[in-house]
Amino acid sequence: MAAGEAAVRPGVSLGGPPAENPDGNLDGSLGGNSGHRRDGRGLQLSVLRAVAALLAGLAAYHRFLRPLHLHWGASLEEAGRSMPGDQLVQCPFVTTTRAVSVQAAPGNVWPWLVQMGNGRGGLYSYDFLDRAFGILSGPSAETVLPEFQQLRAGDVIPLGKGPDWPVALVDPRRDLVLEPVHGRVSWCFALYPAGNATRLVSRVRIRIYTRAVLWLLGPLIDASWFIMERKMLLGIRQRAERLDRLTASPASDISNGERVCTSFA
């Protein structure tokens, strides 16, 4: 560089206004800030679009799919009727009514209900999941267990991890009402004769958390709950129908409080 010659930064002229950069800005710093602002607005729009899509998906689920989960197998009459235990949870946030038809007499469905629990008859659902989560310590029974047939109101159905199920009402061969969370969760199993079959109807009423939380978490909660309860009802049906075939004669049916112990292995 020649003596006395000033070093000139590229893009800046001496004695005149700053030169524009190729982007049309006075200098690079202003252009960089503008780019950051554009990137920030783009990110915000992307987040808003994702939230809108999520809410739209949740709304569609609650409108079209959730009723199928909440009332699986139940008729409109069954879903709308009052059932024992409804009074235990006032103004529930969620009510489910699920049902199956069982080709068996009520007396051959009832034993499987009253012997539920850990260390008892099990839950008749996906045992590998119940055992993985510590709910059960062993497989569900394939036999009627006479020692667990005398269930009464005030008893408690034990589970492994998680709250046990206090028994609120027992009407033999008709209704079994549990209250897993006092005043917050009730669960009724009811048996309704239907010709030569029995309708096994399950009613759950829930008032925990808030409506907003249950709405947002609905797909996650409903999916796991529905899958396990559906399998339970089908498991009870399978066992009851086997028992009914094996106890077809009136003399061998469960009657007058006497229970039979039959193995299906």
Protein backbone atom coordinates (compact mmCIF):
# COMPACT_ATOMS: atom_id res chain seq x y z
CA MET A 1 0.00 0.00 0.00
CA ALA A 2 1.38 3.39 -0.94
CA ALA A 3 2.41 5.78 1.82
CA GLY A 4 -0.39 8.03 3.01
CA GLU A 5 -3.00 5.93 1.30
CA ALA A 6 -5.86 5.13 3.64
CA ALA A 7 -7.05 1.59 3.96
CA VAL A 8 -10.54 1.41 2.63
CA ARG A 9 -12.98 -1.28 3.78
CA PRO A 10 -14.71 -2.88 0.82
CA GLY A 11 -18.25 -1.61 0.35
CA VAL A 12 -17.52 1.82 1.92
CA SER A 13 -16.44 4.90 -0.10
CA LEU A 14 -14.56 7.80 1.38
CA GLY A 15 -16.18 11.19 1.41
CA GLY A 16 -19.54 9.89 0.25
CA PRO A 17 -22.60 7.97 1.43
CA PRO A 18 -22.22 4.32 2.39
CA ALA A 19 -22.37 2.02 -0.58
CA GLU A 20 -25.27 -0.35 -0.85
CA ASN A 21 -24.55 -4.04 -0.51
CA PRO A 22 -25.81 -6.50 -3.14
CA ASP A 23 -29.03 -7.03 -1.14
CA GLY A 24 -29.95 -3.36 -1.49
CA ASN A 25 -29.27 -2.45 2.17
CA LEU A 26 -27.03 0.31 3.39
CA ASP A 27 -24.80 -2.15 5.19
CA GLY A 28 -24.75 -5.83 6.08
CA SER A 29 -25.98 -5.44 9.63
CA LEU A 30 -29.43 -4.18 8.68
CA GLY A 31 -29.93 -6.96 6.17
CA GLY A 32 -28.96 -9.59 8.75
CA ASN A 33 -31.50 -8.33 11.29
CA SER A 34 -34.21 -8.31 8.67
CA GLY A 35 -33.42 -11.89 7.79
CA HIS A 36 -33.63 -12.93 11.44
CA ARG A 37 -37.02 -11.27 11.75
CA ARG A 38 -38.27 -13.09 8.67
CA ASP A 39 -37.01 -16.40 10.06
CA GLY A 40 -38.73 -15.70 13.41
CA ARG A 41 -42.05 -14.94 11.75
CA GLY A 42 -41.78 -18.09 9.66
CA LEU A 43 -41.17 -20.19 12.77
CA GLN A 44 -44.16 -18.63 14.53
CA LEU A 45 -46.39 -19.36 11.55
CA SER A 46 -45.18 -22.97 11.46
CA VAL A 47 -45.95 -23.40 15.17
CA LEU A 48 -49.40 -21.85 14.76
CA ARG A 49 -50.17 -24.13 11.82
CA ALA A 50 -49.06 -27.19 13.81
CA VAL A 51 -51.21 -26.18 16.80
CA ALA A 52 -54.20 -25.55 14.53
CA ALA A 53 -53.75 -28.96 12.88
CA LEU A 54 -53.49 -30.64 16.29
CA LEU A 55 -56.65 -28.97 17.58
CA ALA A 56 -58.50 -29.83 14.37
CA GLY A 57 -57.43 -33.46 14.73
CA LEU A 58 -58.56 -33.53 18.37
CA ALA A 59 -61.91 -31.99 17.43
CA ALA A 60 -62.41 -34.61 14.70
CA TYR A 61 -61.51 -37.39 17.12
CA HIS A 62 -64.01 -36.19 19.73
CA ARG A 63 -66.70 -35.74 17.11
CA PHE A 64 -66.38 -38.98 15.16
CA LEU A 65 -64.19 -41.58 16.90
CA ARG A 66 -64.58 -41.02 20.62
CA PRO A 67 -68.30 -41.94 20.74
CA LEU A 68 -67.37 -45.33 19.27
CA HIS A 69 -64.84 -45.88 22.06
CA LEU A 70 -67.04 -44.61 24.88
CA HIS A 71 -70.11 -46.66 23.89
CA TRP A 72 -68.53 -49.71 22.28
CA GLY A 73 -71.03 -52.56 22.03
CA ALA A 74 -73.78 -50.68 23.88
CA SER A 75 -77.18 -49.82 22.43
CA LEU A 76 -78.60 -46.32 22.65
CA GLU A 77 -80.96 -47.55 25.36
CA GLU A 78 -78.10 -49.03 27.39
CA ALA A 79 -75.98 -45.91 27.02
CA GLY A 80 -78.85 -43.70 28.14
CA ARG A 81 -80.27 -45.70 31.04
CA SER A 82 -79.49 -45.10 34.68
CA MET A 83 -77.37 -47.77 36.33
CA PRO A 84 -76.47 -48.61 39.93
CA GLY A 85 -73.60 -46.48 41.17
CA ASP A 86 -74.36 -43.50 38.94
CA GLN A 87 -75.13 -41.47 42.04
CA LEU A 88 -71.61 -41.96 43.39
CA VAL A 89 -70.12 -39.50 40.89
CA GLN A 90 -72.15 -36.37 40.32
CA CYS A 91 -71.74 -34.37 37.09
CA PRO A 92 -69.04 -36.62 35.60
CA PHE A 93 -66.63 -35.27 33.02
CA VAL A 94 -66.57 -38.62 31.19
CA THR A 95 -69.09 -41.46 31.13
CA THR A 96 -68.50 -44.71 29.28
CA THR A 97 -70.98 -47.52 28.67
CA ARG A 98 -69.60 -50.65 27.01
CA ALA A 99 -71.32 -53.98 26.60
CA VAL A 100 -71.13 -57.51 25.21
CA SER A 101 -73.69 -60.23 24.70
CA VAL A 102 -72.80 -63.44 26.52
CA GLN A 103 -74.39 -66.73 25.50
CA ALA A 104 -74.69 -67.82 29.09
CA ALA A 105 -76.99 -67.45 32.07
CA PRO A 106 -76.26 -64.58 34.50
CA GLY A 107 -75.31 -67.17 37.11
CA ASN A 108 -72.41 -68.29 34.92
CA VAL A 109 -71.18 -64.74 34.28
CA TRP A 110 -71.34 -63.54 37.88
CA PRO A 111 -68.52 -65.71 39.37
CA TRP A 112 -65.93 -64.12 37.11
CA LEU A 113 -66.86 -60.64 38.29
CA VAL A 114 -66.73 -61.24 42.02
CA GLN A 115 -63.37 -63.03 41.92
CA MET A 116 -61.52 -60.25 40.08
CA GLY A 117 -58.32 -58.87 41.54
CA ASN A 118 -54.65 -59.50 42.09
CA GLY A 119 -53.99 -62.79 43.84
CA ARG A 120 -57.58 -63.72 42.98
CA GLY A 121 -59.07 -64.28 39.52
CA GLY A 122 -57.17 -61.55 37.71
CA LEU A 123 -58.68 -59.08 35.27
CA TYR A 124 -59.16 -61.24 32.13
CA SER A 125 -57.55 -58.58 29.92
CA TYR A 126 -54.06 -58.51 28.42
CA ASP A 127 -52.26 -60.23 31.26
CA PHE A 128 -48.79 -59.50 29.89
CA LEU A 129 -49.52 -55.77 30.10
CA ASP A 130 -51.16 -55.95 33.54
CA ARG A 131 -48.19 -57.93 34.80
CA ALA A 132 -45.66 -55.63 33.14
CA PHE A 133 -47.18 -52.63 34.92
CA GLY A 134 -47.45 -54.47 38.22
CA ILE A 135 -51.26 -54.56 38.31
CA LEU A 136 -51.29 -58.36 38.47
CA SER A 137 -48.69 -60.75 39.80
CA GLY A 138 -49.93 -63.74 37.81
CA PRO A 139 -52.18 -64.78 34.93
CA SER A 140 -55.95 -64.43 35.05
CA ALA A 141 -57.81 -67.51 36.26
CA GLU A 142 -59.39 -70.01 33.92
CA THR A 143 -61.37 -71.51 36.79
CA VAL A 144 -64.12 -70.36 39.10
CA LEU A 145 -62.52 -69.96 42.52
CA PRO A 146 -64.97 -70.81 45.34
CA GLU A 147 -62.89 -69.05 47.99
CA PHE A 148 -63.44 -65.67 46.27
CA GLN A 149 -67.17 -65.87 45.61
CA GLN A 150 -68.49 -64.21 48.78
CA LEU A 151 -67.91 -60.57 47.88
CA ARG A 152 -69.74 -57.94 49.93
CA ALA A 153 -70.11 -54.17 49.99
CA GLY A 154 -67.23 -52.71 52.00
CA ASP A 155 -64.75 -55.31 50.75
CA VAL A 156 -61.77 -54.25 48.67
CA ILE A 157 -60.64 -55.86 45.42
CA PRO A 158 -56.83 -55.80 45.60
CA LEU A 159 -54.55 -54.76 42.78
CA GLY A 160 -50.78 -54.70 42.63
CA LYS A 161 -49.62 -51.19 41.84
CA GLY A 162 -52.22 -48.49 41.74
CA PRO A 163 -55.28 -47.98 43.95
CA ASP A 164 -57.35 -50.98 45.00
CA TRP A 165 -61.06 -51.11 44.17
CA PRO A 166 -63.43 -50.63 47.13
CA VAL A 167 -66.74 -52.44 46.64
CA ALA A 168 -69.73 -50.10 46.96
CA LEU A 169 -72.61 -52.44 46.08
CA VAL A 170 -73.17 -56.13 45.48
CA ASP A 171 -76.48 -57.46 44.15
CA PRO A 172 -75.71 -61.11 43.30
CA ARG A 173 -76.14 -62.02 39.65
CA ARG A 174 -77.26 -58.48 38.90
CA ASP A 175 -74.92 -55.64 39.81
CA LEU A 176 -71.39 -55.10 41.07
CA VAL A 177 -70.39 -51.48 41.76
CA LEU A 178 -66.82 -50.41 42.52
CA GLU A 179 -65.61 -46.99 43.62
CA PRO A 180 -61.88 -46.81 42.78
CA VAL A 181 -61.71 -43.11 43.76
CA HIS A 182 -64.29 -41.95 46.29
CA GLY A 183 -66.73 -39.50 44.72
CA ARG A 184 -64.57 -39.27 41.60
CA VAL A 185 -64.62 -42.64 39.83
CA SER A 186 -67.30 -45.34 39.83
CA TRP A 187 -67.47 -48.58 37.87
CA CYS A 188 -70.60 -50.71 37.54
CA PHE A 189 -70.87 -54.18 36.04
CA ALA A 190 -74.51 -55.08 35.41
CA LEU A 191 -76.07 -58.28 34.09
CA TYR A 192 -79.32 -58.08 32.10
CA PRO A 193 -81.02 -61.31 30.95
CA ALA A 194 -81.75 -61.27 27.21
CA GLY A 195 -83.55 -64.46 26.28
CA ASN A 196 -81.04 -67.28 26.50
CA ALA A 197 -78.18 -64.79 26.72
CA THR A 198 -76.98 -62.12 29.13
CA ARG A 199 -75.99 -58.56 28.42
CA LEU A 200 -72.86 -57.65 30.37
CA VAL A 201 -72.83 -53.85 30.62
CA SER A 202 -69.92 -51.84 32.04
CA ARG A 203 -70.50 -48.23 33.13
CA VAL A 204 -67.65 -45.94 34.25
CA ARG A 205 -68.15 -42.36 35.46
CA ILE A 206 -65.17 -40.07 35.98
CA ARG A 207 -64.75 -36.64 37.52
CA ILE A 208 -61.00 -36.12 37.87
CA TYR A 209 -58.59 -33.52 36.49
CA THR A 210 -60.55 -31.01 34.39
CA ARG A 211 -62.67 -31.23 31.27
CA ALA A 212 -59.96 -29.39 29.32
CA VAL A 213 -57.23 -31.81 30.37
CA LEU A 214 -59.39 -34.84 29.59
CA TRP A 215 -60.28 -33.34 26.22
CA LEU A 216 -56.66 -32.73 25.28
CA LEU A 217 -55.46 -36.14 26.50
CA GLY A 218 -58.56 -37.94 25.26
CA PRO A 219 -56.96 -39.94 22.41
CA LEU A 220 -54.13 -41.21 24.61
CA ILE A 221 -56.32 -42.05 27.63
CA ASP A 222 -59.20 -43.46 25.61
CA ALA A 223 -57.04 -45.75 23.49
CA SER A 224 -55.35 -47.55 26.38
CA TRP A 225 -58.50 -47.63 28.50
CA PHE A 226 -60.69 -48.92 25.64
CA ILE A 227 -58.23 -51.61 24.57
CA MET A 228 -57.88 -53.03 28.10
CA GLU A 229 -61.58 -52.88 29.03
CA ARG A 230 -62.72 -54.36 25.73
CA LYS A 231 -60.36 -57.29 26.23
CA MET A 232 -61.66 -57.70 29.80
CA LEU A 233 -65.28 -57.92 28.67
CA LEU A 234 -64.39 -60.38 25.93
CA GLY A 235 -62.33 -62.43 28.40
CA ILE A 236 -65.27 -62.65 30.80
CA ARG A 237 -67.57 -63.61 27.93
CA GLN A 238 -65.25 -66.39 26.79
CA ARG A 239 -64.98 -67.89 30.27
CA ALA A 240 -68.70 -67.58 31.01
CA GLU A 241 -69.73 -69.24 27.76
CA ARG A 242 -67.35 -72.15 28.41
CA LEU A 243 -68.71 -72.51 31.91
CA ASP A 244 -72.28 -72.39 30.61
CA ARG A 245 -71.61 -75.24 28.19
CA LEU A 246 -70.06 -77.32 30.96
CA THR A 247 -72.91 -76.61 33.38
CA ALA A 248 -75.81 -76.97 30.97
CA SER A 249 -77.93 -79.11 33.27
CA PRO A 250 -79.82 -77.24 36.04
CA ALA A 251 -78.31 -79.51 38.67
CA SER A 252 -74.79 -78.48 37.77
CA ASP A 253 -75.43 -74.75 37.34
CA ILE A 254 -74.37 -72.30 40.00
CA SER A 255 -77.37 -71.91 42.25
CA ASN A 256 -78.37 -71.14 45.81
CA GLY A 257 -75.05 -69.49 46.50
CA GLU A 258 -73.04 -72.62 45.62
CA ARG A 259 -70.16 -72.28 43.19
CA VAL A 260 -68.50 -74.84 40.99
CA CYS A 261 -64.81 -74.91 40.24
CA THR A 262 -64.27 -75.93 36.63
CA SER A 263 -60.96 -75.95 34.81
CA PHE A 264 -60.77 -74.96 31.15
CA ALA A 265 -57.19 -75.97 30.69
